[in-house]
Amino acid sequence: MTEPTKDQKIWQVVAAIPPGCVASYGQIADMAAWAGRPGISVKLWENSQKGTPFPGIA
Protein backbone atom coordinates (compact mmCIF):
# COMPACT_ATOMS: atom_id res chain seq x y z
CA MET A 1 0.00 0.00 0.00
CA THR A 2 1.33 3.44 -0.89
CA GLU A 3 1.63 6.38 1.48
CA PRO A 4 -1.06 9.07 0.99
CA THR A 5 0.09 12.23 -0.74
CA LYS A 6 0.27 15.49 1.22
CA ASP A 7 -2.94 16.61 -0.49
CA GLN A 8 -4.70 13.39 0.49
CA LYS A 9 -3.54 13.80 4.10
CA ILE A 10 -4.86 17.36 4.19
CA TRP A 11 -8.27 16.32 2.79
CA GLN A 12 -8.47 13.43 5.27
CA VAL A 13 -7.97 15.88 8.11
CA VAL A 14 -10.51 18.33 6.68
CA ALA A 15 -13.07 15.55 6.22
CA ALA A 16 -12.64 14.60 9.89
CA ILE A 17 -13.59 18.09 11.15
CA PRO A 18 -17.05 17.70 12.71
CA PRO A 19 -19.93 19.79 11.34
CA GLY A 20 -20.11 23.12 13.12
CA CYS A 21 -16.41 23.09 13.99
CA VAL A 22 -13.59 24.97 12.31
CA ALA A 23 -9.82 24.60 12.11
CA SER A 24 -7.14 27.04 11.05
CA TYR A 25 -4.83 26.31 8.15
CA GLY A 26 -2.04 25.76 10.68
CA GLN A 27 -4.09 23.31 12.74
CA ILE A 28 -4.95 21.34 9.62
CA ALA A 29 -1.30 21.21 8.56
CA ASP A 30 -0.28 20.10 12.07
CA MET A 31 -2.87 17.31 12.13
CA ALA A 32 -1.74 16.15 8.68
CA ALA A 33 1.86 15.84 9.94
CA TRP A 34 2.96 19.00 8.13
CA ALA A 35 3.59 21.05 11.29
CA GLY A 36 4.69 24.59 10.64
CA ARG A 37 3.59 24.48 6.99
CA PRO A 38 0.09 26.05 6.89
CA GLY A 39 0.80 27.21 3.33
CA ILE A 40 0.21 23.65 2.16
CA SER A 41 -3.37 23.85 3.45
CA VAL A 42 -3.85 27.31 1.96
CA LYS A 43 -2.56 26.33 -1.47
CA LEU A 44 -4.69 23.19 -1.60
CA TRP A 45 -7.79 25.12 -0.55
CA GLU A 46 -7.17 27.89 -3.09
CA ASN A 47 -6.75 25.31 -5.85
CA SER A 48 -9.84 23.32 -4.91
CA GLN A 49 -13.02 23.51 -6.92
CA LYS A 50 -15.92 25.67 -5.83
CA GLY A 51 -18.74 23.79 -4.20
CA THR A 52 -16.44 21.62 -2.12
CA PRO A 53 -18.19 19.78 0.71
CA PHE A 54 -15.61 21.13 3.19
CA PRO A 55 -16.61 24.71 4.04
CA GLY A 56 -15.16 24.61 7.59
CA ILE A 57 -11.67 25.92 6.93
CA ALA A 58 -11.11 29.28 8.62
PDB file of N, CA and C in Angstrom:
ATOM      1  N   MET A   1       0.845  -1.175   0.000  1.00  0.00           N
ATOM      2  CA  MET A   1       0.000   0.000   0.000  1.00  0.00           C
ATOM      3  C   MET A   1       0.889   1.237   0.000  1.00  0.00           C
ATOM      4  N   THR A   2       0.512   2.239  -0.786  1.00  0.00           N
ATOM      5  CA  THR A   2       1.326   3.445  -0.887  1.00  0.00           C
ATOM      6  C   THR A   2       0.908   4.470   0.171  1.00  0.00           C
ATOM      7  N   GLU A   3       1.863   5.302   0.514  1.00  0.00           N
ATOM      8  CA  GLU A   3       1.631   6.376   1.479  1.00  0.00           C
ATOM      9  C   GLU A   3       0.744   7.447   0.833  1.00  0.00           C
ATOM     10  N   PRO A   4      -0.237   8.008   1.578  1.00  0.00           N
ATOM     11  CA  PRO A   4      -1.064   9.069   0.994  1.00  0.00           C
ATOM     12  C   PRO A   4      -0.211  10.291   0.658  1.00  0.00           C
ATOM     13  N   THR A   5      -0.608  11.006  -0.369  1.00  0.00           N
ATOM     14  CA  THR A   5       0.091  12.233  -0.737  1.00  0.00           C
ATOM     15  C   THR A   5      -0.216  13.307   0.307  1.00  0.00           C
ATOM     16  N   LYS A   6       0.537  14.408   0.266  1.00  0.00           N
ATOM     17  CA  LYS A   6       0.274  15.488   1.223  1.00  0.00           C
ATOM     18  C   LYS A   6      -1.134  16.047   1.010  1.00  0.00           C
ATOM     19  N   ASP A   7      -1.586  16.135  -0.235  1.00  0.00           N
ATOM     20  CA  ASP A   7      -2.940  16.609  -0.492  1.00  0.00           C
ATOM     21  C   ASP A   7      -3.976  15.662   0.100  1.00  0.00           C
ATOM     22  N   GLN A   8      -3.774  14.370  -0.071  1.00  0.00           N
ATOM     23  CA  GLN A   8      -4.703  13.390   0.493  1.00  0.00           C
ATOM     24  C   GLN A   8      -4.736  13.478   2.007  1.00  0.00           C
ATOM     25  N   LYS A   9      -3.585  13.672   2.639  1.00  0.00           N
ATOM     26  CA  LYS A   9      -3.538  13.801   4.099  1.00  0.00           C
ATOM     27  C   LYS A   9      -4.324  15.027   4.555  1.00  0.00           C
ATOM     28  N   ILE A  10      -4.141  16.141   3.837  1.00  0.00           N
ATOM     29  CA  ILE A  10      -4.863  17.363   4.193  1.00  0.00           C
ATOM     30  C   ILE A  10      -6.364  17.136   4.077  1.00  0.00           C
ATOM     31  N   TRP A  11      -6.834  16.554   2.959  1.00  0.00           N
ATOM     32  CA  TRP A  11      -8.271  16.322   2.785  1.00  0.00           C
ATOM     33  C   TRP A  11      -8.817  15.342   3.812  1.00  0.00           C
ATOM     34  N   GLN A  12      -8.026  14.351   4.223  1.00  0.00           N
ATOM     35  CA  GLN A  12      -8.470  13.427   5.273  1.00  0.00           C
ATOM     36  C   GLN A  12      -8.709  14.169   6.581  1.00  0.00           C
ATOM     37  N   VAL A  13      -7.807  15.080   6.893  1.00  0.00           N
ATOM     38  CA  VAL A  13      -7.965  15.880   8.113  1.00  0.00           C
ATOM     39  C   VAL A  13      -9.199  16.764   8.005  1.00  0.00           C
ATOM     40  N   VAL A  14      -9.360  17.445   6.867  1.00  0.00           N
ATOM     41  CA  VAL A  14     -10.506  18.331   6.681  1.00  0.00           C
ATOM     42  C   VAL A  14     -11.811  17.542   6.774  1.00  0.00           C
ATOM     43  N   ALA A  15     -11.852  16.378   6.179  1.00  0.00           N
ATOM     44  CA  ALA A  15     -13.065  15.547   6.216  1.00  0.00           C
ATOM     45  C   ALA A  15     -13.414  15.106   7.634  1.00  0.00           C
ATOM     46  N   ALA A  16     -12.414  15.052   8.512  1.00  0.00           N
ATOM     47  CA  ALA A  16     -12.642  14.602   9.885  1.00  0.00           C
ATOM     48  C   ALA A  16     -13.099  15.735  10.815  1.00  0.00           C
ATOM     49  N   ILE A  17     -13.126  16.972  10.322  1.00  0.00           N
ATOM     50  CA  ILE A  17     -13.591  18.090  11.151  1.00  0.00           C
ATOM     51  C   ILE A  17     -15.105  17.967  11.290  1.00  0.00           C
ATOM     52  N   PRO A  18     -15.600  17.873  12.524  1.00  0.00           N
ATOM     53  CA  PRO A  18     -17.045  17.700  12.711  1.00  0.00           C
ATOM     54  C   PRO A  18     -17.840  18.908  12.213  1.00  0.00           C
ATOM     55  N   PRO A  19     -19.065  18.673  11.764  1.00  0.00           N
ATOM     56  CA  PRO A  19     -19.926  19.790  11.342  1.00  0.00           C
ATOM     57  C   PRO A  19     -20.056  20.800  12.476  1.00  0.00           C
ATOM     58  N   GLY A  20     -20.000  22.065  12.126  1.00  0.00           N
ATOM     59  CA  GLY A  20     -20.114  23.121  13.117  1.00  0.00           C
ATOM     60  C   GLY A  20     -18.790  23.518  13.753  1.00  0.00           C
ATOM     61  N   CYS A  21     -17.733  22.784  13.449  1.00  0.00           N
ATOM     62  CA  CYS A  21     -16.411  23.090  13.985  1.00  0.00           C
ATOM     63  C   CYS A  21     -15.537  23.658  12.883  1.00  0.00           C
ATOM     64  N   VAL A  22     -14.528  24.397  13.273  1.00  0.00           N
ATOM     65  CA  VAL A  22     -13.594  24.968  12.310  1.00  0.00           C
ATOM     66  C   VAL A  22     -12.169  24.653  12.742  1.00  0.00           C
ATOM     67  N   ALA A  23     -11.244  24.774  11.818  1.00  0.00           N
ATOM     68  CA  ALA A  23      -9.819  24.599  12.111  1.00  0.00           C
ATOM     69  C   ALA A  23      -9.039  25.588  11.263  1.00  0.00           C
ATOM     70  N   SER A  24      -7.971  26.105  11.819  1.00  0.00           N
ATOM     71  CA  SER A  24      -7.137  27.037  11.048  1.00  0.00           C
ATOM     72  C   SER A  24      -6.285  26.245  10.063  1.00  0.00           C
ATOM     73  N   TYR A  25      -5.729  26.957   9.103  1.00  0.00           N
ATOM     74  CA  TYR A  25      -4.827  26.312   8.151  1.00  0.00           C
ATOM     75  C   TYR A  25      -3.669  25.647   8.891  1.00  0.00           C
ATOM     76  N   GLY A  26      -3.146  26.315   9.899  1.00  0.00           N
ATOM     77  CA  GLY A  26      -2.039  25.764  10.682  1.00  0.00           C
ATOM     78  C   GLY A  26      -2.426  24.510  11.436  1.00  0.00           C
ATOM     79  N   GLN A  27      -3.620  24.506  12.032  1.00  0.00           N
ATOM     80  CA  GLN A  27      -4.092  23.314  12.741  1.00  0.00           C
ATOM     81  C   GLN A  27      -4.239  22.138  11.786  1.00  0.00           C
ATOM     82  N   ILE A  28      -4.771  22.403  10.607  1.00  0.00           N
ATOM     83  CA  ILE A  28      -4.946  21.338   9.621  1.00  0.00           C
ATOM     84  C   ILE A  28      -3.591  20.784   9.204  1.00  0.00           C
ATOM     85  N   ALA A  29      -2.647  21.661   8.936  1.00  0.00           N
ATOM     86  CA  ALA A  29      -1.302  21.206   8.557  1.00  0.00           C
ATOM     87  C   ALA A  29      -0.679  20.390   9.682  1.00  0.00           C
ATOM     88  N   ASP A  30      -0.830  20.840  10.920  1.00  0.00           N
ATOM     89  CA  ASP A  30      -0.285  20.100  12.068  1.00  0.00           C
ATOM     90  C   ASP A  30      -0.885  18.695  12.153  1.00  0.00           C
ATOM     91  N   MET A  31      -2.204  18.612  12.015  1.00  0.00           N
ATOM     92  CA  MET A  31      -2.872  17.312  12.126  1.00  0.00           C
ATOM     93  C   MET A  31      -2.530  16.385  10.969  1.00  0.00           C
ATOM     94  N   ALA A  32      -2.115  16.952   9.847  1.00  0.00           N
ATOM     95  CA  ALA A  32      -1.738  16.145   8.680  1.00  0.00           C
ATOM     96  C   ALA A  32      -0.240  15.842   8.675  1.00  0.00           C
ATOM     97  N   ALA A  33       0.421  16.098   9.791  1.00  0.00           N
ATOM     98  CA  ALA A  33       1.859  15.842   9.945  1.00  0.00           C
ATOM     99  C   ALA A  33       2.709  16.773   9.083  1.00  0.00           C
ATOM    100  N   TRP A  34       2.213  17.974   8.856  1.00  0.00           N
ATOM    101  CA  TRP A  34       2.963  19.003   8.135  1.00  0.00           C
ATOM    102  C   TRP A  34       3.105  20.219   9.039  1.00  0.00           C
ATOM    103  N   ALA A  35       3.475  19.986  10.290  1.00  0.00           N
ATOM    104  CA  ALA A  35       3.587  21.049  11.289  1.00  0.00           C
ATOM    105  C   ALA A  35       4.438  22.203  10.780  1.00  0.00           C
ATOM    106  N   GLY A  36       3.958  23.409  11.041  1.00  0.00           N
ATOM    107  CA  GLY A  36       4.691  24.593  10.639  1.00  0.00           C
ATOM    108  C   GLY A  36       4.595  24.936   9.164  1.00  0.00           C
ATOM    109  N   ARG A  37       3.715  24.246   8.437  1.00  0.00           N
ATOM    110  CA  ARG A  37       3.586  24.479   6.986  1.00  0.00           C
ATOM    111  C   ARG A  37       2.124  24.767   6.607  1.00  0.00           C
ATOM    112  N   PRO A  38       1.496  25.776   7.217  1.00  0.00           N
ATOM    113  CA  PRO A  38       0.089  26.046   6.887  1.00  0.00           C
ATOM    114  C   PRO A  38      -0.125  26.418   5.427  1.00  0.00           C
ATOM    115  N   GLY A  39       0.928  26.864   4.747  1.00  0.00           N
ATOM    116  CA  GLY A  39       0.799  27.214   3.333  1.00  0.00           C
ATOM    117  C   GLY A  39       0.347  26.050   2.478  1.00  0.00           C
ATOM    118  N   ILE A  40       0.659  24.835   2.907  1.00  0.00           N
ATOM    119  CA  ILE A  40       0.210  23.652   2.165  1.00  0.00           C
ATOM    120  C   ILE A  40      -1.315  23.598   2.170  1.00  0.00           C
ATOM    121  N   SER A  41      -1.915  23.843   3.343  1.00  0.00           N
ATOM    122  CA  SER A  41      -3.373  23.853   3.453  1.00  0.00           C
ATOM    123  C   SER A  41      -3.971  24.981   2.628  1.00  0.00           C
ATOM    124  N   VAL A  42      -3.354  26.149   2.698  1.00  0.00           N
ATOM    125  CA  VAL A  42      -3.851  27.315   1.965  1.00  0.00           C
ATOM    126  C   VAL A  42      -3.824  27.047   0.459  1.00  0.00           C
ATOM    127  N   LYS A  43      -2.699  26.565  -0.030  1.00  0.00           N
ATOM    128  CA  LYS A  43      -2.556  26.328  -1.470  1.00  0.00           C
ATOM    129  C   LYS A  43      -3.575  25.293  -1.960  1.00  0.00           C
ATOM    130  N   LEU A  44      -3.737  24.219  -1.207  1.00  0.00           N
ATOM    131  CA  LEU A  44      -4.692  23.189  -1.596  1.00  0.00           C
ATOM    132  C   LEU A  44      -6.104  23.759  -1.630  1.00  0.00           C
ATOM    133  N   TRP A  45      -6.455  24.533  -0.618  1.00  0.00           N
ATOM    134  CA  TRP A  45      -7.790  25.118  -0.547  1.00  0.00           C
ATOM    135  C   TRP A  45      -8.019  26.084  -1.707  1.00  0.00           C
ATOM    136  N   GLU A  46      -7.034  26.940  -1.994  1.00  0.00           N
ATOM    137  CA  GLU A  46      -7.171  27.894  -3.086  1.00  0.00           C
ATOM    138  C   GLU A  46      -7.313  27.195  -4.430  1.00  0.00           C
ATOM    139  N   ASN A  47      -6.699  26.037  -4.587  1.00  0.00           N
ATOM    140  CA  ASN A  47      -6.753  25.312  -5.853  1.00  0.00           C
ATOM    141  C   ASN A  47      -7.938  24.363  -5.960  1.00  0.00           C
ATOM    142  N   SER A  48      -8.704  24.242  -4.880  1.00  0.00           N
ATOM    143  CA  SER A  48      -9.840  23.318  -4.911  1.00  0.00           C
ATOM    144  C   SER A  48     -10.989  23.922  -5.715  1.00  0.00           C
ATOM    145  N   GLN A  49     -11.877  23.071  -6.134  1.00  0.00           N
ATOM    146  CA  GLN A  49     -13.018  23.513  -6.923  1.00  0.00           C
ATOM    147  C   GLN A  49     -14.056  24.145  -6.012  1.00  0.00           C
ATOM    148  N   LYS A  50     -14.816  25.083  -6.582  1.00  0.00           N
ATOM    149  CA  LYS A  50     -15.921  25.671  -5.828  1.00  0.00           C
ATOM    150  C   LYS A  50     -16.967  24.589  -5.583  1.00  0.00           C
ATOM    151  N   GLY A  51     -17.712  24.757  -4.516  1.00  0.00           N
ATOM    152  CA  GLY A  51     -18.741  23.786  -4.197  1.00  0.00           C
ATOM    153  C   GLY A  51     -18.210  22.601  -3.425  1.00  0.00           C
ATOM    154  N   THR A  52     -16.998  22.713  -2.898  1.00  0.00           N
ATOM    155  CA  THR A  52     -16.436  21.625  -2.118  1.00  0.00           C
ATOM    156  C   THR A  52     -17.307  21.336  -0.899  1.00  0.00           C
ATOM    157  N   PRO A  53     -17.379  20.102  -0.466  1.00  0.00           N
ATOM    158  CA  PRO A  53     -18.188  19.784   0.707  1.00  0.00           C
ATOM    159  C   PRO A  53     -17.497  20.125   2.025  1.00  0.00           C
ATOM    160  N   PHE A  54     -16.374  20.840   1.973  1.00  0.00           N
ATOM    161  CA  PHE A  54     -15.613  21.135   3.188  1.00  0.00           C
ATOM    162  C   PHE A  54     -15.526  22.642   3.421  1.00  0.00           C
ATOM    163  N   PRO A  55     -16.629  23.275   3.871  1.00  0.00           N
ATOM    164  CA  PRO A  55     -16.605  24.715   4.045  1.00  0.00           C
ATOM    165  C   PRO A  55     -16.017  25.170   5.374  1.00  0.00           C
ATOM    166  N   GLY A  56     -15.557  24.262   6.234  1.00  0.00           N
ATOM    167  CA  GLY A  56     -15.157  24.614   7.591  1.00  0.00           C
ATOM    168  C   GLY A  56     -13.747  25.099   7.785  1.00  0.00           C
ATOM    169  N   ILE A  57     -13.025  25.438   6.733  1.00  0.00           N
ATOM    170  CA  ILE A  57     -11.666  25.924   6.928  1.00  0.00           C
ATOM    171  C   ILE A  57     -11.717  27.420   7.172  1.00  0.00           C
ATOM    172  N   ALA A  58     -11.110  27.846   8.268  1.00  0.00           N
ATOM    173  CA  ALA A  58     -11.111  29.279   8.618  1.00  0.00           C
ATOM    174  C   ALA A  58      -9.762  29.890   8.361  1.00  0.00           C
TER     175      ALA A  58
END
